[in-house]
Protein backbone atom coordinates (compact mmCIF):
# COMPACT_ATOMS: atom_id res chain seq x y z
CA MET A 1 27.41 -0.19 12.60
CA HIS A 2 28.73 1.36 9.41
CA PHE A 3 27.91 4.90 10.56
CA LYS A 4 29.42 6.67 13.55
CA LEU A 5 26.83 8.83 15.30
CA SER A 6 27.48 11.85 17.49
CA ASP A 7 25.78 15.09 18.54
CA MET A 8 26.58 18.68 17.57
CA GLY A 9 25.45 21.50 19.81
CA SER A 10 23.60 21.47 23.10
CA GLY A 11 20.38 22.68 24.68
CA LYS A 12 17.10 22.67 22.77
CA LYS A 13 18.62 22.53 19.26
CA VAL A 14 20.98 19.58 18.68
CA ALA A 15 22.13 18.26 15.28
CA ARG A 16 22.90 14.59 14.70
CA LEU A 17 26.20 13.94 12.96
CA VAL A 18 26.41 10.86 10.73
CA ASP A 19 29.99 9.88 9.85
CA ILE A 20 29.95 7.43 6.92
CA GLN A 21 32.36 4.56 7.64
CA THR A 22 31.14 1.64 5.54
CA ASN A 23 34.47 0.45 4.08
CA GLU A 24 37.67 1.69 2.42
CA GLN A 25 35.75 3.51 -0.32
CA ASN A 26 32.62 4.24 1.74
CA SER A 27 30.61 2.34 -0.86
CA LEU A 28 26.98 1.44 -0.25
CA THR A 29 24.90 -1.73 -0.25
CA ARG A 30 21.22 -2.40 0.30
CA ALA A 31 22.04 -3.48 3.85
CA THR A 32 23.95 -0.29 4.71
CA LEU A 33 21.25 1.87 3.12
CA LEU A 34 18.60 0.13 5.24
CA GLU A 35 20.80 0.83 8.26
CA LEU A 36 21.00 4.48 7.24
CA LYS A 37 17.23 4.62 6.70
CA ALA A 38 16.74 3.41 10.29
CA ILE A 39 18.97 6.30 11.46
CA LEU A 40 16.78 8.73 9.49
CA ASP A 41 13.62 7.33 11.07
CA GLU A 42 15.08 7.51 14.57
CA THR A 43 16.33 11.08 14.06
CA GLN A 44 12.98 12.17 12.61
CA LYS A 45 11.10 10.88 15.65
CA ASP A 46 13.53 12.07 18.32
CA GLU A 47 12.59 15.60 19.42
CA LYS A 48 16.14 16.06 20.69
CA TYR A 49 17.36 16.54 17.12
CA SER A 50 16.65 19.60 14.99
CA ALA A 51 18.97 18.76 12.05
CA LEU A 52 21.10 16.03 10.46
CA VAL A 53 24.67 16.36 9.18
CA PHE A 54 26.33 13.86 6.82
CA THR A 55 30.12 13.76 6.78
CA SER A 56 33.02 11.30 6.61
CA THR A 57 36.41 11.05 8.27
CA ASN A 58 37.57 8.81 5.40
CA PRO A 59 40.63 10.63 4.01
CA LYS A 60 39.64 10.14 0.35
CA PHE A 61 35.98 9.16 -0.09
CA PHE A 62 32.79 10.79 1.13
CA SER A 63 30.99 7.92 -0.60
CA ASN A 64 31.98 6.10 -3.77
CA GLY A 65 28.52 4.78 -4.62
CA LEU A 66 27.53 1.15 -5.06
CA ASP A 67 29.79 -1.58 -3.71
CA ALA A 68 31.04 -3.31 -6.88
CA SER A 69 32.09 -6.52 -5.13
CA ASN A 70 28.71 -6.85 -3.44
CA VAL A 71 26.81 -6.26 -6.69
CA GLY A 72 28.98 -8.82 -8.43
CA LYS A 73 27.76 -11.47 -5.99
CA THR A 74 24.09 -10.49 -6.32
CA PRO A 75 22.03 -12.89 -8.52
CA ASP A 76 20.09 -11.39 -11.43
CA ASP A 77 16.71 -11.98 -9.78
CA LYS A 78 17.82 -9.86 -6.79
CA LEU A 79 19.71 -7.19 -8.73
CA ALA A 80 16.85 -4.70 -9.07
CA GLU A 81 16.17 -4.94 -5.35
CA GLU A 82 19.84 -4.50 -4.43
CA VAL A 83 20.58 -1.65 -6.84
CA GLY A 84 17.15 -0.04 -6.45
CA GLU A 85 17.55 0.55 -2.71
CA ILE A 86 19.42 3.80 -3.36
CA VAL A 87 16.33 5.07 -5.19
CA LEU A 88 14.13 4.20 -2.23
CA PHE A 89 16.60 5.80 0.18
CA PHE A 90 16.61 8.97 -1.91
CA GLY A 91 12.84 9.18 -1.39
CA HIS A 92 13.24 8.62 2.35
CA LEU A 93 15.81 11.41 2.51
CA LEU A 94 13.49 13.82 0.68
CA LYS A 95 10.68 12.96 3.10
CA PHE A 96 12.94 13.58 6.11
CA ASP A 97 11.76 17.08 6.93
CA LYS A 98 14.38 18.33 9.38
CA PRO A 99 17.27 20.31 7.81
CA VAL A 100 20.04 18.18 6.29
CA ILE A 101 23.59 19.44 5.76
CA THR A 102 26.16 17.43 3.84
CA GLU A 103 29.91 17.94 4.14
CA VAL A 104 31.38 16.45 0.97
CA THR A 105 34.80 15.59 2.36
CA GLY A 106 36.11 13.64 -0.64
CA TYR A 107 34.96 11.78 -3.71
CA ALA A 108 31.17 11.68 -3.98
CA MET A 109 30.36 9.36 -6.89
CA GLY A 110 26.98 7.81 -7.62
CA GLY A 111 25.36 7.30 -4.22
CA GLY A 112 27.57 9.98 -2.67
CA ALA A 113 26.23 12.53 -5.14
CA VAL A 114 22.69 11.26 -4.53
CA ILE A 115 22.95 11.93 -0.78
CA THR A 116 24.42 15.35 -1.54
CA VAL A 117 21.74 16.58 -3.93
CA ALA A 118 18.98 15.37 -1.59
CA SER A 119 20.44 17.52 1.20
CA ASP A 120 19.32 21.06 1.93
CA TYR A 121 22.77 22.58 2.37
CA LYS A 122 25.83 21.24 0.58
CA TYR A 123 29.44 22.13 1.38
CA MET A 124 32.47 20.57 -0.32
CA LEU A 125 36.14 20.29 0.55
CA GLU A 126 38.49 21.71 -2.09
CA GLY A 127 41.24 19.43 -3.37
CA LYS A 128 41.34 16.16 -5.27
CA GLY A 129 37.74 15.10 -4.61
CA ARG A 130 35.11 15.03 -7.34
CA ILE A 131 31.34 14.75 -7.41
CA SER A 132 29.47 12.90 -10.15
CA PHE A 133 26.20 11.14 -10.85
CA SER A 134 28.18 8.29 -12.36
CA GLU A 135 25.31 5.82 -12.77
CA VAL A 136 25.21 6.07 -16.58
CA LEU A 137 28.96 5.44 -16.72
CA VAL A 138 28.32 1.95 -15.35
CA GLY A 139 25.37 1.31 -17.67
CA LEU A 140 22.51 2.33 -15.36
CA PRO A 141 19.86 4.83 -16.47
CA LEU A 142 19.59 7.73 -14.02
CA PRO A 143 16.33 7.43 -12.02
CA GLY A 144 13.65 10.04 -12.68
CA THR A 145 13.55 11.34 -9.11
CA PHE A 146 17.30 12.02 -9.25
CA ILE A 147 16.81 13.93 -12.51
CA ASP A 148 13.93 15.94 -11.04
CA LYS A 149 15.95 17.00 -7.98
CA ILE A 150 19.03 17.76 -10.07
CA SER A 151 16.90 19.92 -12.38
CA ARG A 152 15.56 21.86 -9.39
CA THR A 153 19.05 22.30 -7.89
CA VAL A 154 21.59 23.20 -10.58
CA PHE A 155 21.57 25.89 -13.24
CA PRO A 156 19.59 24.66 -16.29
CA PRO A 157 22.44 24.62 -18.87
CA TYR A 158 24.28 21.99 -16.82
CA VAL A 159 21.51 19.47 -16.24
CA GLN A 160 22.26 17.35 -19.32
CA ALA A 161 25.99 17.18 -18.58
CA ILE A 162 25.39 16.19 -14.96
CA CYS A 163 22.93 13.48 -15.98
CA ALA A 164 25.50 12.16 -18.47
CA GLY A 165 27.98 11.52 -15.67
CA GLU A 166 30.30 14.55 -15.84
CA ASN A 167 32.46 14.93 -12.73
CA TYR A 168 33.20 18.21 -11.00
CA LYS A 169 35.80 19.61 -8.64
CA ALA A 170 34.51 21.58 -5.67
CA ALA A 171 34.79 25.01 -7.30
CA GLU A 172 33.17 23.72 -10.50
CA ALA A 173 30.32 22.14 -8.53
CA LYS A 174 29.68 25.48 -6.83
CA THR A 175 29.71 27.31 -10.17
CA ILE A 176 26.93 25.11 -11.56
CA GLY A 177 24.84 25.24 -8.37
CA LEU A 178 25.36 21.65 -7.23
CA ILE A 179 27.33 22.78 -4.15
CA ASP A 180 26.54 25.85 -2.02
CA GLU A 181 30.01 26.64 -0.66
CA THR A 182 33.54 25.20 -0.71
CA ALA A 183 36.26 25.18 1.94
CA PRO A 184 40.05 24.81 1.75
CA ASP A 185 40.33 22.50 4.77
CA LEU A 186 38.22 20.38 7.11
CA GLU A 187 38.20 22.98 9.86
CA SER A 188 36.80 25.60 7.49
CA LEU A 189 34.30 23.08 6.16
CA ARG A 190 32.98 22.43 9.67
CA LYS A 191 32.75 26.18 10.30
CA LEU A 192 30.35 26.46 7.35
CA THR A 193 28.18 23.76 8.91
CA VAL A 194 28.23 25.33 12.38
CA LYS A 195 27.39 28.77 10.96
CA LYS A 196 24.41 27.36 9.07
CA LEU A 197 23.18 25.45 12.13
CA GLU A 198 23.42 28.60 14.25
CA TYR A 199 21.29 30.42 11.70
CA LEU A 200 18.72 27.62 11.45
CA ASN A 201 18.47 27.40 15.23
CA ARG A 202 16.96 30.90 15.28
CA ILE A 203 14.02 29.72 13.16
CA PRO A 204 11.10 27.64 14.52
CA LEU A 205 11.69 24.03 13.45
CA SER A 206 8.03 23.63 12.50
CA ALA A 207 8.38 26.44 9.94
CA LEU A 208 11.50 24.84 8.46
CA GLN A 209 9.80 21.44 8.28
CA ARG A 210 6.66 22.63 6.53
CA THR A 211 8.73 24.69 4.10
CA LYS A 212 10.97 21.73 3.28
CA GLN A 213 7.92 19.54 2.69
CA GLY A 214 6.71 22.10 0.15
CA ILE A 215 10.08 22.24 -1.60
CA ASN A 216 10.37 18.47 -2.06
CA GLN A 217 6.72 17.56 -2.67
CA PRO A 218 6.85 18.13 -6.47
CA VAL A 219 9.66 15.57 -6.74
CA LEU A 220 7.90 13.10 -4.44
CA ASP A 221 4.66 13.42 -6.43
CA ARG A 222 6.39 11.70 -9.37
CA ALA A 223 8.23 9.19 -7.23
CA GLU A 224 5.92 6.20 -7.82
CA ALA A 225 6.03 6.50 -11.62
CA ALA A 226 9.77 7.15 -11.56
CA LEU A 227 10.36 4.12 -9.34
CA LYS A 228 8.35 1.89 -11.69
CA HIS A 229 10.44 3.08 -14.64
CA THR A 230 13.64 2.52 -12.67
CA TYR A 231 12.77 -1.08 -11.81
CA GLU A 232 11.86 -1.73 -15.44
CA SER A 233 15.27 -0.36 -16.41
CA PHE A 234 17.09 -2.47 -13.84
CA THR A 235 15.44 -5.62 -15.21
CA THR A 236 16.04 -4.83 -18.91
CA PRO A 237 18.50 -7.48 -20.23
CA ILE A 238 20.85 -5.10 -22.05
CA VAL A 239 21.02 -2.80 -19.00
CA VAL A 240 21.83 -5.74 -16.74
CA LYS A 241 24.52 -7.02 -19.15
CA ASN A 242 26.17 -3.61 -19.38
CA PHE A 243 26.02 -3.11 -15.63
CA ARG A 244 27.53 -6.53 -14.98
CA GLU A 245 30.32 -5.73 -17.43
CA ALA A 246 30.98 -2.39 -15.70
CA MET A 247 31.16 -3.98 -12.25
CA GLY A 248 33.49 -6.69 -13.55
CA ALA A 249 35.71 -4.09 -15.16
CA LEU A 250 35.90 -2.14 -11.91
CA ALA A 251 36.89 -5.23 -9.98
CA GLU A 252 39.50 -6.13 -12.60
CA LYS A 253 40.69 -2.51 -13.02
CA ARG A 254 40.11 -2.36 -16.77
CA ARG A 255 37.91 -0.45 -19.22
CA PRO A 256 34.42 -1.90 -19.66
CA GLN A 257 33.38 -3.26 -23.08
CA TYR A 258 29.69 -2.41 -23.38
CA PHE A 259 27.20 -4.26 -25.58
CA ASP A 260 25.52 -1.29 -27.25
């Protein structure tokens, strides 16, 4: 598996810890996202678990988004399916109605930022890490559901900058509302998570679940239309050409030369 699973807490209220360990950069593929979706489904059904916590013991990356080498090997007729899986996973994560806490332990680019904004409580390690919805920087239009959730999460003046791929340090991300709290070290980061779990454990899970459903339903109501637009974007020739160029540039460690 690409995700190390463990339990936090004991008794009636146990949180499931998901440690992202996909590769050196913790990048994501359709296969690993399907694996992660199965973990969501299992955790949703298992009455043992009252919450989910995303983290990573990778010393640099929480998750660095799409796996460039994998995308480079994906044929054009499968590209929308491969790249679009993160959009589907985002919907699955919004439908997961138990509390989700994310510990952003390092760089959270693209898919890493997507997991973060879909979470209910977001804590980030101070230091060299950055968080960014970097999709547009590799030629991909930002999906509508991502934009909707971003708009409902951060302070309004920063929505356009975030959607244009700006990257933020931990303190900056907190200032704009993308992150709830920051911590100077991993021990302090985990204390934030434990404190939140202790608070949530005093509330009936059914109340938290129904409330979370209400919070995310407005975004999910637009999901079908947004997904259709996303797949149209991912099959638009100029978008595909720019994206291919970006992935090639990443692999070759050079600046991309876009076509428009």
